[in-house]
Each structure stands twice: as C-alpha cells, then as structure tokens.
Amino acid sequence: MSTIARPPRRSAFFLSDRTGITIEMLGHSLLRQFENLSFTEITLPYLDTTEKAETIVAQINDCAVLDGMRPLIFSTFVNPEIRAILDSANALHLDCFNIFISPLETELGIRSSHTMGHSHRVEDGMDYGHRIEAIRYTLEHDDGISHRNWQQAGIILIGVSRSGKTPTCLYLALQYGICAANYPLTPEDFRYRQLPAELRNLRDKLFGFTTDPVRLHQIRNERKPGSEYASLKNCEYEVREAEALMRQEGIPYLDATNKSIEELATAVLHEVKLERKIY
C-alpha cells in the first residue's frame, strides 16, 4: 500500500532588532494560512549589528542547503544596512517595516522616525499602570478566590471548571488592560438552580463559556485521572446544567471548545462591547 509523501519542512526565520514579538506573531499568523505545509520556526531577537546579521545570513544559507529550498525570512528592521545584509541571503526576505512604512511615508508625505522598538516601549505611564493593575486584579479574582471589589471588573467570566476562563482573563488583562474576574460554576450551584449570591447583582458583567463534554472529560482526566470530577458522565451533567442556568438567567455565552485564547478574548470584547484600556 503506497503512502502519501509529506512535504519537507521549510525553515522560517523571525528576525528583529528588538524583541521579535511583533514579527513572530505576524509571521506565525501568515504561515498558518498554509495548512498543508510544515515549517521549522526560528525566532532570533536583538539582531542590532551588521556582524550579527552576517552571522545569521550564514546560518540561513546553511538551512537552504540542508532543506533543499530557500528559507523564509520575516523581519522588522529600521537599519537599512542590516536589511541589505539580510537581502543577500539565499531566502525569501519579507521585511514588514519596509513593506508597510515606505507606502505610508509616501501617502502621508512625511518620513517615519525609523526608531527601534516603538511598538514595545513603555512610553505611556498610564498604559503601563493599566496593564499592571489589570493583571494584579485578574490574578486576585481568579477562580472565585476573592469576592472583593467585583464591581471593578470589566467582565466576569463564568462556566464549568477547565472551560478556558482563566487563560482568557489573563489575556484580556495583559493585552487589553481589562480587569477580568472569573467564577467556576459547580454542582452546588446547579443543585439550587440559581446564580451564587455574590453574582446576582452583577448580571451586567457576566459572560459565560461552555464546552464540549467529551473534550472537557479529556482535559480534566489529564489533571485528575479516574476521578468523578473528570468522568464523562459528570462532565456531561455539568455542561448541561451550566448551559441551562445561563439560559435561565439570561447570561450570554459561547462555546469555547475549538477556539484559541486570542479568539475567545476577541469574541468577549466584541460581544460585551468592552473597550480596551491599552495598546
């Protein structure tokens, strides 16, 4: 029986004269559009001298020989000398500053500052303060730990345990500066068929997550294998009762099963009309 040969993995470099966070996120998002191809992704930050650039070009050229095809380079460089060195590599070089900044300069009729690291500088003390305060608040109000100052929350996520509430809250705090709390719905809440007392006056801040019971069973079984908490029967019960309670109380909710943290956070922002606090 013949097998279908998989395409070879192709090297993809994310290069920057600063942290590399911006180009790594953009490059990774672009590569995900090619679902049938495999990539070896390499992130190299702080390439801020021509000597470092020349060393990287040698590494990239070696990959071209080993892979049998040109690597891909995604980069953000304001230094034209470094950019020129990378252009000499045996690779497809996509410098995103060059791609976007040049047309913007032409359209706006002015030259950009060409300053390194502007997208990640702590220039705005208010933005930085919002981020730190949001993270602190979110950690203090994770999993219903604290019931103090819940009115301060921009959003309170509810749902069964392990449905994605905590990572989404942390993402909202870190990326958007939003104070996000979360509360796990438990069999105790289902027994009385009503919201916990501490949440009843906060309906305008509540948003729910649900999930597929089979997937929930798999996730919980990794944490507490063989337990009643992780059993498929219990997961089916909790998901069913949580959805019924949220419908009864008029709380909007979404299925988090196959969504990434980024997708969940964006959906929450859109559905609840939250305004981001930082950029």
Protein backbone atom coordinates (compact mmCIF):
# COMPACT_ATOMS: atom_id res chain seq x y z
CA MET A 1 0.00 0.00 0.00
CA SER A 2 1.51 3.32 -1.09
CA THR A 3 1.76 6.21 1.32
CA ILE A 4 1.41 9.87 0.51
CA ALA A 5 4.74 11.63 0.98
CA ARG A 6 4.62 14.59 3.32
CA PRO A 7 6.15 17.81 2.01
CA PRO A 8 9.53 18.61 3.58
CA ARG A 9 9.67 21.08 6.45
CA ARG A 10 10.74 24.53 5.41
CA SER A 11 12.73 26.87 7.65
CA ALA A 12 11.11 30.17 8.61
CA PHE A 13 13.10 32.84 10.46
CA PHE A 14 11.51 35.63 12.51
CA LEU A 15 14.18 38.30 12.90
CA SER A 16 14.17 41.63 14.70
CA ASP A 17 16.47 44.29 16.11
CA ARG A 18 14.30 44.26 19.25
CA THR A 19 12.20 41.58 20.99
CA GLY A 20 10.81 39.93 17.85
CA ILE A 21 7.34 39.67 19.41
CA THR A 22 5.57 41.65 16.68
CA ILE A 23 7.12 39.88 13.70
CA GLU A 24 6.81 36.45 15.35
CA MET A 25 3.06 36.94 15.81
CA LEU A 26 2.57 38.28 12.28
CA GLY A 27 4.78 35.69 10.61
CA HIS A 28 3.23 32.80 12.51
CA SER A 29 -0.26 34.01 11.57
CA LEU A 30 0.72 34.17 7.89
CA LEU A 31 2.25 30.68 7.89
CA ARG A 32 -0.87 29.19 9.48
CA GLN A 33 -2.71 30.02 6.26
CA PHE A 34 -0.75 27.21 4.57
CA GLU A 35 -2.24 24.26 6.45
CA ASN A 36 -0.70 21.51 4.32
CA LEU A 37 2.87 22.71 4.76
CA SER A 38 5.24 22.23 7.68
CA PHE A 39 7.65 24.88 8.94
CA THR A 40 10.58 24.92 11.32
CA GLU A 41 10.15 28.31 13.00
CA ILE A 42 13.20 30.10 14.40
CA THR A 43 12.93 33.41 16.28
CA LEU A 44 16.08 35.49 16.68
CA PRO A 45 15.70 38.83 18.52
CA TYR A 46 18.18 41.68 19.14
CA LEU A 47 20.00 41.46 15.81
CA ASP A 48 21.17 45.03 16.14
CA THR A 49 24.63 44.96 14.47
CA THR A 50 25.88 44.18 10.98
CA GLU A 51 28.13 41.49 12.45
CA LYS A 52 25.17 39.64 13.94
CA ALA A 53 23.29 39.98 10.65
CA GLU A 54 26.18 38.45 8.70
CA THR A 55 26.33 35.50 11.11
CA ILE A 56 22.59 34.91 10.68
CA VAL A 57 22.87 35.07 6.89
CA ALA A 58 25.44 32.26 7.03
CA GLN A 59 23.02 30.20 9.19
CA ILE A 60 20.16 30.88 6.78
CA ASN A 61 22.27 29.87 3.78
CA ASP A 62 23.19 26.61 5.55
CA CYS A 63 19.47 25.91 6.08
CA ALA A 64 18.85 26.48 2.37
CA VAL A 65 21.37 23.77 1.54
CA LEU A 66 20.08 21.32 4.18
CA ASP A 67 16.40 21.88 3.36
CA GLY A 68 16.92 21.87 -0.37
CA MET A 69 14.80 25.02 -0.67
CA ARG A 70 15.02 28.67 0.24
CA PRO A 71 14.09 29.55 3.83
CA LEU A 72 11.59 32.30 4.59
CA ILE A 73 12.64 35.42 6.49
CA PHE A 74 10.11 37.63 8.24
CA SER A 75 11.74 40.69 9.76
CA THR A 76 11.30 44.16 11.22
CA PHE A 77 14.43 46.27 10.81
CA VAL A 78 14.79 50.05 10.70
CA ASN A 79 18.54 49.87 9.98
CA PRO A 80 18.96 49.79 6.16
CA GLU A 81 22.46 48.28 6.42
CA ILE A 82 21.18 45.26 8.36
CA ARG A 83 18.25 44.94 5.97
CA ALA A 84 20.61 44.95 2.99
CA ILE A 85 22.72 42.17 4.53
CA LEU A 86 19.66 40.02 5.06
CA ASP A 87 18.56 40.69 1.48
CA SER A 88 21.75 38.93 0.37
CA ALA A 89 20.68 35.62 1.97
CA ASN A 90 19.51 32.73 -0.18
CA ALA A 91 15.95 33.20 1.10
CA LEU A 92 12.68 34.99 0.55
CA HIS A 93 13.05 38.08 2.74
CA LEU A 94 9.87 39.89 3.79
CA ASP A 95 10.79 42.94 5.84
CA CYS A 96 7.49 44.20 7.20
CA PHE A 97 8.74 47.67 8.10
CA ASN A 98 9.90 48.15 4.53
CA ILE A 99 6.67 46.70 3.11
CA PHE A 100 4.39 48.94 5.16
CA ILE A 101 6.42 52.00 6.20
CA SER A 102 7.50 53.09 2.69
CA PRO A 103 3.95 53.29 1.27
CA LEU A 104 2.81 55.07 4.44
CA GLU A 105 5.60 57.64 4.13
CA THR A 106 4.55 58.28 0.52
CA GLU A 107 0.87 58.59 1.38
CA LEU A 108 1.37 60.74 4.49
CA GLY A 109 4.05 62.91 2.89
CA ILE A 110 6.44 62.63 5.85
CA ARG A 111 9.31 60.37 6.85
CA SER A 112 8.82 57.98 9.77
CA SER A 113 11.03 58.18 12.85
CA HIS A 114 12.74 54.86 11.94
CA THR A 115 13.23 54.26 15.67
CA MET A 116 13.75 50.75 17.01
CA GLY A 117 11.28 49.18 19.42
CA HIS A 118 8.49 51.76 19.34
CA SER A 119 5.78 49.10 19.48
CA HIS A 120 7.04 47.76 22.83
CA ARG A 121 8.36 50.85 24.60
CA VAL A 122 6.97 51.80 27.99
CA GLU A 123 6.39 55.42 26.97
CA ASP A 124 2.91 55.88 28.36
CA GLY A 125 2.95 55.53 32.13
CA MET A 126 -0.84 55.34 32.16
CA ASP A 127 -0.85 52.38 29.75
CA TYR A 128 1.77 50.59 31.82
CA GLY A 129 -0.16 51.25 35.02
CA HIS A 130 -3.39 49.93 33.48
CA ARG A 131 -1.65 46.71 32.44
CA ILE A 132 -0.09 46.05 35.85
CA GLU A 133 -3.30 46.85 37.72
CA ALA A 134 -5.38 44.66 35.40
CA ILE A 135 -3.01 41.69 35.83
CA ARG A 136 -2.96 42.13 39.62
CA TYR A 137 -6.75 42.33 39.78
CA THR A 138 -7.23 39.34 37.49
CA LEU A 139 -4.87 37.14 39.50
CA GLU A 140 -6.60 38.12 42.75
CA HIS A 141 -10.03 37.32 41.28
CA ASP A 142 -9.18 34.07 39.53
CA ASP A 143 -11.45 31.08 40.12
CA GLY A 144 -13.63 33.00 42.58
CA ILE A 145 -10.74 33.35 45.06
CA SER A 146 -11.71 36.86 46.16
CA HIS A 147 -15.18 38.36 46.26
CA ARG A 148 -13.95 41.90 46.99
CA ASN A 149 -14.31 44.76 44.50
CA TRP A 150 -16.18 42.72 41.90
CA GLN A 151 -17.86 45.90 40.68
CA GLN A 152 -14.41 47.00 39.49
CA ALA A 153 -14.30 44.13 36.97
CA GLY A 154 -14.81 44.93 33.31
CA ILE A 155 -16.00 41.36 32.78
CA ILE A 156 -16.69 38.30 34.92
CA LEU A 157 -16.44 35.00 33.05
CA ILE A 158 -18.46 32.07 34.35
CA GLY A 159 -18.58 28.42 33.33
CA VAL A 160 -17.61 24.96 34.48
CA SER A 161 -14.08 24.25 35.64
CA ARG A 162 -11.49 23.94 32.82
CA SER A 163 -13.56 25.67 30.16
CA GLY A 164 -10.93 28.32 29.37
CA LYS A 165 -11.88 31.12 31.76
CA THR A 166 -8.51 31.72 33.46
CA PRO A 167 -6.26 31.99 30.38
CA THR A 168 -8.80 34.22 28.65
CA CYS A 169 -8.96 36.53 31.67
CA LEU A 170 -5.17 36.77 31.81
CA TYR A 171 -5.01 37.51 28.09
CA LEU A 172 -7.61 40.27 28.47
CA ALA A 173 -5.57 41.78 31.30
CA LEU A 174 -2.18 41.51 29.60
CA GLN A 175 -3.15 42.53 26.07
CA TYR A 176 -6.06 44.90 26.68
CA GLY A 177 -5.60 46.15 30.25
CA ILE A 178 -9.05 44.87 31.27
CA CYS A 179 -9.75 43.80 34.86
CA ALA A 180 -11.24 40.35 34.29
CA ALA A 181 -12.55 38.06 37.02
CA ASN A 182 -13.86 34.53 36.69
CA TYR A 183 -16.04 32.20 38.72
CA PRO A 184 -16.40 28.42 38.30
CA LEU A 185 -19.94 27.06 38.28
CA THR A 186 -20.10 23.91 40.42
CA PRO A 187 -22.64 21.15 41.19
CA GLU A 188 -23.55 23.18 44.29
CA ASP A 189 -24.82 25.98 42.04
CA PHE A 190 -26.75 23.53 39.87
CA ARG A 191 -28.42 21.98 42.90
CA TYR A 192 -30.16 25.28 43.70
CA ARG A 193 -30.69 26.25 40.04
CA GLN A 194 -29.60 29.83 40.65
CA LEU A 195 -26.56 32.04 40.48
CA PRO A 196 -24.29 32.21 43.52
CA ALA A 197 -25.35 35.04 45.83
CA GLU A 198 -22.20 37.08 45.12
CA LEU A 199 -23.00 37.19 41.38
CA ARG A 200 -26.71 38.02 41.43
CA ASN A 201 -26.21 41.78 41.38
CA LEU A 202 -23.53 41.59 38.70
CA ARG A 203 -25.53 40.22 35.75
CA ASP A 204 -24.47 43.10 33.50
CA LYS A 205 -20.83 41.97 33.88
CA LEU A 206 -21.36 38.24 33.41
CA PHE A 207 -20.41 36.29 30.29
CA GLY A 208 -20.35 32.51 30.05
CA PHE A 209 -18.19 29.82 28.47
CA THR A 210 -19.40 26.34 27.66
CA THR A 211 -17.51 23.45 26.09
CA ASP A 212 -17.92 20.00 24.58
CA PRO A 213 -18.30 17.40 27.38
CA VAL A 214 -16.00 14.89 25.66
CA ARG A 215 -13.23 17.46 25.32
CA LEU A 216 -13.80 18.57 28.91
CA HIS A 217 -13.51 14.94 30.03
CA GLN A 218 -10.17 14.63 28.22
CA ILE A 219 -8.77 17.82 29.77
CA ARG A 220 -9.92 17.00 33.30
CA ASN A 221 -8.70 13.41 33.04
CA GLU A 222 -5.18 14.69 32.37
CA ARG A 223 -5.35 16.63 35.62
CA LYS A 224 -7.22 14.14 37.82
CA PRO A 225 -7.30 10.79 36.01
CA GLY A 226 -10.04 8.36 37.02
CA SER A 227 -11.82 10.85 39.30
CA GLU A 228 -15.53 11.55 39.47
CA TYR A 229 -14.68 15.16 38.63
CA ALA A 230 -13.16 14.01 35.31
CA SER A 231 -15.71 11.32 34.40
CA LEU A 232 -17.58 11.77 31.14
CA LYS A 233 -20.91 11.38 32.91
CA ASN A 234 -20.10 14.21 35.33
CA CYS A 235 -18.76 16.43 32.53
CA GLU A 236 -21.97 15.92 30.55
CA TYR A 237 -24.02 16.78 33.64
CA GLU A 238 -22.05 19.93 34.49
CA VAL A 239 -22.07 21.28 30.94
CA ARG A 240 -25.80 20.60 30.56
CA GLU A 241 -26.66 22.26 33.89
CA ALA A 242 -24.33 25.23 33.33
CA GLU A 243 -25.92 25.98 29.95
CA ALA A 244 -29.42 25.65 31.45
CA LEU A 245 -28.52 28.03 34.28
CA MET A 246 -27.04 30.62 31.93
CA ARG A 247 -30.10 30.48 29.67
CA GLN A 248 -32.39 30.78 32.70
CA GLU A 249 -30.52 33.85 33.96
CA GLY A 250 -30.24 35.46 30.53
CA ILE A 251 -26.44 35.35 30.52
CA PRO A 252 -24.85 35.32 27.05
CA TYR A 253 -22.34 32.52 26.49
CA LEU A 254 -20.27 30.91 23.75
CA ASP A 255 -18.78 27.51 23.01
CA ALA A 256 -15.05 27.67 23.79
CA THR A 257 -14.23 24.12 22.64
CA ASN A 258 -12.27 24.80 19.45
CA LYS A 259 -11.31 28.42 19.96
CA SER A 260 -7.86 29.76 20.79
CA ILE A 261 -7.34 32.13 23.72
CA GLU A 262 -6.95 35.00 21.25
CA GLU A 263 -10.26 34.13 19.58
CA LEU A 264 -12.04 33.84 22.93
CA ALA A 265 -10.73 37.19 24.14
CA THR A 266 -11.71 38.90 20.88
CA ALA A 267 -15.17 37.34 20.98
CA VAL A 268 -15.69 38.53 24.56
CA LEU A 269 -14.60 42.06 23.66
CA HIS A 270 -16.97 42.10 20.70
CA GLU A 271 -19.98 40.55 22.41
CA VAL A 272 -19.78 42.61 25.61
CA LYS A 273 -18.67 45.82 23.83
CA LEU A 274 -15.65 46.17 26.11
CA GLU A 275 -13.23 48.99 25.39
CA ARG A 276 -9.56 48.13 25.51
CA LYS A 277 -7.53 50.16 28.02
CA ILE A 278 -4.08 49.80 26.47
CA TYR A 279 -2.42 49.36 23.07
